[in-house]
N, C-alpha and C. Protein backbone atom coordinates (compact mmCIF):
# COMPACT_ATOMS: atom_id res chain seq x y z
N MET A 1 -6.53 1.61 14.27
CA MET A 1 -6.76 0.91 13.05
C MET A 1 -6.26 1.75 11.88
N VAL A 2 -5.65 1.07 10.91
CA VAL A 2 -5.14 1.74 9.73
C VAL A 2 -5.49 0.88 8.52
N GLN A 3 -5.75 1.54 7.39
CA GLN A 3 -6.01 0.78 6.17
C GLN A 3 -4.68 0.50 5.47
N VAL A 4 -4.54 -0.74 5.00
CA VAL A 4 -3.35 -1.15 4.29
C VAL A 4 -3.76 -1.80 2.97
N ARG A 5 -2.84 -1.72 2.01
CA ARG A 5 -3.07 -2.32 0.69
C ARG A 5 -1.99 -3.37 0.47
N VAL A 6 -2.37 -4.48 -0.14
CA VAL A 6 -1.40 -5.50 -0.49
C VAL A 6 -0.60 -4.95 -1.68
N TYR A 7 0.66 -4.66 -1.43
CA TYR A 7 1.52 -4.00 -2.42
C TYR A 7 2.22 -5.02 -3.31
N ARG A 8 2.68 -6.10 -2.71
CA ARG A 8 3.46 -7.09 -3.46
C ARG A 8 3.36 -8.43 -2.76
N ILE A 9 3.27 -9.50 -3.55
CA ILE A 9 3.35 -10.87 -3.04
C ILE A 9 4.42 -11.56 -3.87
N SER A 10 5.47 -12.03 -3.21
CA SER A 10 6.59 -12.66 -3.91
C SER A 10 6.78 -14.08 -3.41
N SER A 11 7.19 -14.96 -4.30
CA SER A 11 7.57 -16.31 -3.89
C SER A 11 9.02 -16.29 -3.46
N VAL A 12 9.26 -16.80 -2.27
CA VAL A 12 10.61 -16.85 -1.72
C VAL A 12 10.83 -18.23 -1.10
N THR A 13 12.05 -18.46 -0.66
CA THR A 13 12.38 -19.69 0.05
C THR A 13 12.63 -19.35 1.51
N ASP A 14 11.97 -20.07 2.41
CA ASP A 14 12.17 -19.85 3.83
C ASP A 14 13.62 -20.15 4.17
N PRO A 15 14.36 -19.19 4.75
CA PRO A 15 15.79 -19.39 4.98
C PRO A 15 16.10 -20.48 6.01
N LEU A 16 15.18 -20.77 6.92
CA LEU A 16 15.44 -21.79 7.94
C LEU A 16 15.10 -23.20 7.46
N THR A 17 13.99 -23.34 6.74
CA THR A 17 13.54 -24.67 6.36
C THR A 17 13.76 -25.00 4.89
N SER A 18 14.12 -24.01 4.09
CA SER A 18 14.29 -24.16 2.64
C SER A 18 13.00 -24.57 1.94
N LEU A 19 11.87 -24.33 2.60
CA LEU A 19 10.57 -24.62 1.99
C LEU A 19 10.06 -23.39 1.25
N PRO A 20 9.19 -23.60 0.26
CA PRO A 20 8.62 -22.45 -0.44
C PRO A 20 7.80 -21.59 0.52
N ALA A 21 7.86 -20.27 0.32
CA ALA A 21 7.15 -19.34 1.18
C ALA A 21 6.68 -18.16 0.35
N LYS A 22 5.85 -17.32 0.98
CA LYS A 22 5.37 -16.09 0.33
C LYS A 22 5.81 -14.90 1.17
N GLN A 23 6.35 -13.90 0.50
CA GLN A 23 6.66 -12.63 1.15
C GLN A 23 5.54 -11.67 0.77
N ILE A 24 4.83 -11.17 1.77
CA ILE A 24 3.67 -10.30 1.56
C ILE A 24 4.00 -8.93 2.12
N GLU A 25 3.89 -7.91 1.28
CA GLU A 25 4.19 -6.54 1.69
C GLU A 25 2.89 -5.74 1.74
N LEU A 26 2.62 -5.16 2.90
CA LEU A 26 1.45 -4.32 3.10
C LEU A 26 1.92 -2.88 3.26
N VAL A 27 1.26 -1.94 2.57
CA VAL A 27 1.60 -0.53 2.66
C VAL A 27 0.38 0.23 3.14
N GLU A 28 0.64 1.34 3.81
CA GLU A 28 -0.44 2.16 4.34
C GLU A 28 -1.16 2.90 3.22
N VAL A 29 -2.48 2.95 3.32
CA VAL A 29 -3.30 3.69 2.37
C VAL A 29 -3.51 5.08 2.94
N ARG A 30 -3.07 6.07 2.20
CA ARG A 30 -3.24 7.46 2.63
C ARG A 30 -3.94 8.23 1.53
N GLN A 31 -4.88 9.07 1.93
CA GLN A 31 -5.57 9.92 0.97
C GLN A 31 -4.62 11.06 0.59
N ARG A 32 -4.51 11.31 -0.67
CA ARG A 32 -3.64 12.38 -1.16
C ARG A 32 -4.45 13.67 -1.18
N GLY A 33 -3.83 14.75 -0.74
CA GLY A 33 -4.49 16.04 -0.75
C GLY A 33 -4.73 16.54 -2.16
N ASN A 34 -5.81 17.28 -2.35
CA ASN A 34 -6.13 17.80 -3.68
C ASN A 34 -5.28 19.01 -4.04
N GLN A 35 -4.75 19.72 -3.05
CA GLN A 35 -4.01 20.95 -3.30
C GLN A 35 -2.58 20.83 -2.75
N PRO A 36 -1.71 20.03 -3.41
CA PRO A 36 -0.35 19.89 -2.88
C PRO A 36 0.49 21.15 -3.03
N TYR A 37 0.04 22.11 -3.85
CA TYR A 37 0.83 23.32 -4.10
C TYR A 37 0.28 24.53 -3.36
N GLY A 38 -0.58 24.31 -2.40
CA GLY A 38 -1.13 25.42 -1.63
C GLY A 38 -2.61 25.60 -1.91
N ILE A 39 -3.20 26.53 -1.20
CA ILE A 39 -4.62 26.77 -1.37
C ILE A 39 -4.83 28.12 -2.03
N GLY A 40 -6.00 28.30 -2.53
CA GLY A 40 -6.33 29.59 -3.14
C GLY A 40 -5.97 29.63 -4.61
N ASP A 41 -6.04 30.85 -5.16
CA ASP A 41 -5.80 31.04 -6.60
C ASP A 41 -4.37 30.68 -6.99
N GLU A 42 -3.39 31.01 -6.13
CA GLU A 42 -1.99 30.71 -6.45
C GLU A 42 -1.77 29.21 -6.55
N GLY A 43 -2.33 28.47 -5.62
CA GLY A 43 -2.17 27.02 -5.63
C GLY A 43 -2.78 26.40 -6.87
N ARG A 44 -3.97 26.87 -7.26
CA ARG A 44 -4.61 26.37 -8.48
C ARG A 44 -3.79 26.72 -9.72
N MET A 45 -3.23 27.93 -9.75
CA MET A 45 -2.43 28.33 -10.89
C MET A 45 -1.18 27.45 -11.02
N VAL A 46 -0.50 27.19 -9.91
CA VAL A 46 0.69 26.34 -9.94
C VAL A 46 0.31 24.93 -10.35
N GLN A 47 -0.80 24.41 -9.82
CA GLN A 47 -1.27 23.06 -10.18
C GLN A 47 -1.54 22.98 -11.68
N ASN A 48 -2.20 23.99 -12.26
CA ASN A 48 -2.48 24.00 -13.69
C ASN A 48 -1.19 24.03 -14.51
N MET A 49 -0.22 24.83 -14.07
CA MET A 49 1.06 24.90 -14.78
C MET A 49 1.78 23.56 -14.76
N VAL A 50 1.80 22.92 -13.58
CA VAL A 50 2.47 21.61 -13.46
C VAL A 50 1.76 20.59 -14.34
N ASN A 51 0.42 20.60 -14.35
CA ASN A 51 -0.33 19.67 -15.20
C ASN A 51 0.01 19.86 -16.67
N GLN A 52 0.11 21.12 -17.11
CA GLN A 52 0.46 21.39 -18.51
C GLN A 52 1.87 20.91 -18.83
N LEU A 53 2.81 21.16 -17.93
CA LEU A 53 4.18 20.71 -18.16
C LEU A 53 4.26 19.18 -18.19
N GLN A 54 3.48 18.52 -17.32
CA GLN A 54 3.46 17.05 -17.31
C GLN A 54 2.86 16.51 -18.60
N SER A 55 1.81 17.16 -19.10
CA SER A 55 1.18 16.69 -20.34
C SER A 55 2.11 16.85 -21.54
N MET A 56 3.04 17.82 -21.48
CA MET A 56 4.02 18.02 -22.54
C MET A 56 5.25 17.14 -22.36
N GLY A 57 5.34 16.43 -21.24
CA GLY A 57 6.46 15.55 -20.99
C GLY A 57 7.68 16.23 -20.42
N LEU A 58 7.54 17.48 -19.99
CA LEU A 58 8.69 18.21 -19.45
C LEU A 58 8.91 17.97 -17.97
N VAL A 59 7.86 17.58 -17.27
CA VAL A 59 7.95 17.28 -15.84
C VAL A 59 7.38 15.88 -15.65
N PRO A 60 8.11 14.99 -14.97
CA PRO A 60 7.60 13.63 -14.80
C PRO A 60 6.35 13.61 -13.91
N GLN A 61 5.50 12.62 -14.18
CA GLN A 61 4.31 12.43 -13.35
C GLN A 61 4.76 12.01 -11.95
N MET A 62 4.03 12.50 -10.95
CA MET A 62 4.33 12.08 -9.57
C MET A 62 3.89 10.64 -9.41
N LYS A 63 4.80 9.80 -8.96
CA LYS A 63 4.46 8.42 -8.72
C LYS A 63 3.82 8.30 -7.35
N GLU A 64 3.16 7.21 -7.17
CA GLU A 64 2.50 6.95 -5.90
C GLU A 64 3.51 6.88 -4.77
N MET A 65 3.18 7.50 -3.66
CA MET A 65 4.04 7.41 -2.48
C MET A 65 3.62 6.19 -1.68
N VAL A 66 4.58 5.36 -1.36
CA VAL A 66 4.31 4.12 -0.65
C VAL A 66 4.87 4.24 0.76
N PHE A 67 4.05 3.92 1.76
CA PHE A 67 4.45 3.96 3.15
C PHE A 67 4.40 2.53 3.69
N PRO A 68 5.54 1.82 3.69
CA PRO A 68 5.55 0.42 4.14
C PRO A 68 5.02 0.30 5.57
N LYS A 69 4.24 -0.74 5.80
CA LYS A 69 3.67 -0.95 7.12
C LYS A 69 4.10 -2.30 7.68
N VAL A 70 3.85 -3.40 6.95
CA VAL A 70 4.17 -4.74 7.45
C VAL A 70 4.69 -5.58 6.28
N THR A 71 5.76 -6.31 6.53
CA THR A 71 6.24 -7.31 5.59
C THR A 71 6.26 -8.65 6.31
N MET A 72 5.56 -9.63 5.72
CA MET A 72 5.47 -10.96 6.33
C MET A 72 6.08 -11.99 5.39
N VAL A 73 6.78 -12.95 5.94
CA VAL A 73 7.24 -14.10 5.19
C VAL A 73 6.57 -15.31 5.82
N LEU A 74 5.67 -15.93 5.05
CA LEU A 74 4.88 -17.05 5.55
C LEU A 74 5.12 -18.29 4.70
N THR A 75 5.31 -19.44 5.36
CA THR A 75 5.38 -20.69 4.62
C THR A 75 3.98 -20.97 4.06
N GLU A 76 3.89 -21.92 3.16
CA GLU A 76 2.58 -22.26 2.57
C GLU A 76 1.58 -22.65 3.65
N SER A 77 2.02 -23.43 4.65
CA SER A 77 1.08 -23.84 5.71
C SER A 77 0.67 -22.65 6.58
N GLU A 78 1.59 -21.75 6.86
CA GLU A 78 1.24 -20.55 7.63
C GLU A 78 0.27 -19.67 6.85
N TYR A 79 0.49 -19.56 5.54
CA TYR A 79 -0.41 -18.78 4.69
C TYR A 79 -1.81 -19.38 4.71
N ASP A 80 -1.89 -20.71 4.67
CA ASP A 80 -3.20 -21.38 4.75
C ASP A 80 -3.86 -21.12 6.10
N MET A 81 -3.08 -21.11 7.19
CA MET A 81 -3.63 -20.85 8.53
C MET A 81 -4.09 -19.41 8.68
N LEU A 82 -3.55 -18.50 7.86
CA LEU A 82 -3.97 -17.10 7.92
C LEU A 82 -5.46 -16.97 7.63
N GLY A 83 -5.98 -17.82 6.75
CA GLY A 83 -7.41 -17.83 6.48
C GLY A 83 -7.88 -16.75 5.53
N LEU A 84 -6.96 -16.02 4.92
CA LEU A 84 -7.30 -14.99 3.94
C LEU A 84 -6.57 -15.29 2.65
N ARG A 85 -7.21 -15.01 1.53
CA ARG A 85 -6.54 -15.09 0.24
C ARG A 85 -6.22 -13.66 -0.17
N LEU A 86 -4.98 -13.28 -0.01
CA LEU A 86 -4.56 -11.91 -0.29
C LEU A 86 -4.24 -11.76 -1.77
N ASP A 87 -4.75 -10.69 -2.36
CA ASP A 87 -4.43 -10.35 -3.74
C ASP A 87 -3.87 -8.94 -3.78
N VAL A 88 -2.96 -8.70 -4.71
CA VAL A 88 -2.35 -7.38 -4.86
C VAL A 88 -3.45 -6.35 -5.09
N ASN A 89 -3.31 -5.21 -4.42
CA ASN A 89 -4.22 -4.06 -4.47
C ASN A 89 -5.48 -4.23 -3.63
N ASP A 90 -5.67 -5.36 -2.97
CA ASP A 90 -6.78 -5.49 -2.03
C ASP A 90 -6.53 -4.60 -0.83
N ILE A 91 -7.59 -4.02 -0.27
CA ILE A 91 -7.49 -3.14 0.89
C ILE A 91 -7.98 -3.89 2.12
N TYR A 92 -7.21 -3.77 3.22
CA TYR A 92 -7.55 -4.42 4.48
C TYR A 92 -7.45 -3.41 5.61
N GLU A 93 -8.12 -3.72 6.70
CA GLU A 93 -8.00 -2.92 7.92
C GLU A 93 -7.05 -3.67 8.85
N LEU A 94 -5.99 -2.99 9.28
CA LEU A 94 -4.99 -3.56 10.17
C LEU A 94 -5.15 -2.93 11.54
N GLU A 95 -5.39 -3.76 12.53
CA GLU A 95 -5.51 -3.27 13.90
C GLU A 95 -4.44 -3.93 14.75
N ILE A 96 -3.67 -3.11 15.44
CA ILE A 96 -2.63 -3.62 16.34
C ILE A 96 -3.03 -3.23 17.75
N ARG A 97 -3.24 -4.25 18.60
CA ARG A 97 -3.71 -3.98 19.96
C ARG A 97 -3.29 -5.13 20.88
N ASN A 98 -2.79 -4.78 22.03
CA ASN A 98 -2.45 -5.75 23.08
C ASN A 98 -1.57 -6.89 22.57
N GLY A 99 -0.58 -6.57 21.79
CA GLY A 99 0.38 -7.57 21.34
C GLY A 99 -0.10 -8.45 20.20
N SER A 100 -1.21 -8.09 19.55
CA SER A 100 -1.68 -8.90 18.43
C SER A 100 -2.05 -7.99 17.25
N MET A 101 -2.03 -8.58 16.07
CA MET A 101 -2.42 -7.86 14.87
C MET A 101 -3.62 -8.56 14.26
N THR A 102 -4.60 -7.77 13.87
CA THR A 102 -5.80 -8.30 13.22
C THR A 102 -5.89 -7.68 11.82
N LEU A 103 -6.12 -8.53 10.85
CA LEU A 103 -6.22 -8.10 9.46
C LEU A 103 -7.55 -8.57 8.93
N LYS A 104 -8.40 -7.61 8.48
CA LYS A 104 -9.68 -8.01 7.90
C LYS A 104 -9.98 -7.16 6.68
N LYS A 105 -10.72 -7.75 5.76
CA LYS A 105 -11.06 -7.08 4.50
C LYS A 105 -11.80 -5.79 4.79
N SER A 106 -11.37 -4.72 4.12
CA SER A 106 -11.99 -3.41 4.31
C SER A 106 -13.34 -3.36 3.62
N THR A 107 -14.29 -2.73 4.28
CA THR A 107 -15.63 -2.60 3.69
C THR A 107 -15.79 -1.23 3.06
N GLU A 108 -14.83 -0.32 3.32
CA GLU A 108 -14.88 1.04 2.76
C GLU A 108 -14.18 1.08 1.43
N GLY A 109 -14.71 1.86 0.51
CA GLY A 109 -14.02 2.09 -0.75
C GLY A 109 -12.97 3.17 -0.56
N VAL A 110 -11.82 2.99 -1.18
CA VAL A 110 -10.75 3.98 -1.05
C VAL A 110 -10.53 4.63 -2.38
């Protein structure tokens, strides 16, 4: 089981039927480490320096790292059969087992 976040929902046209559809992109939710520059006093010193440079605008802020997991293109009827109303930034638990995928709303806060 892995936690995924709804990253993007786009309106598209189904290439086979020319009917309206939704493209839903799910990305993996990963906890970011608190010490990306190492541990100990040196790591804290480097982190403080980077924070100061970022606050002065000399170093760009690190953007969120996105790890794509699943992209689905569903017609309106398929989306209705999914039985979930997906919203951007909602967190779900994705389980892949025995040739099937299960998606359910996460009960844990991330």
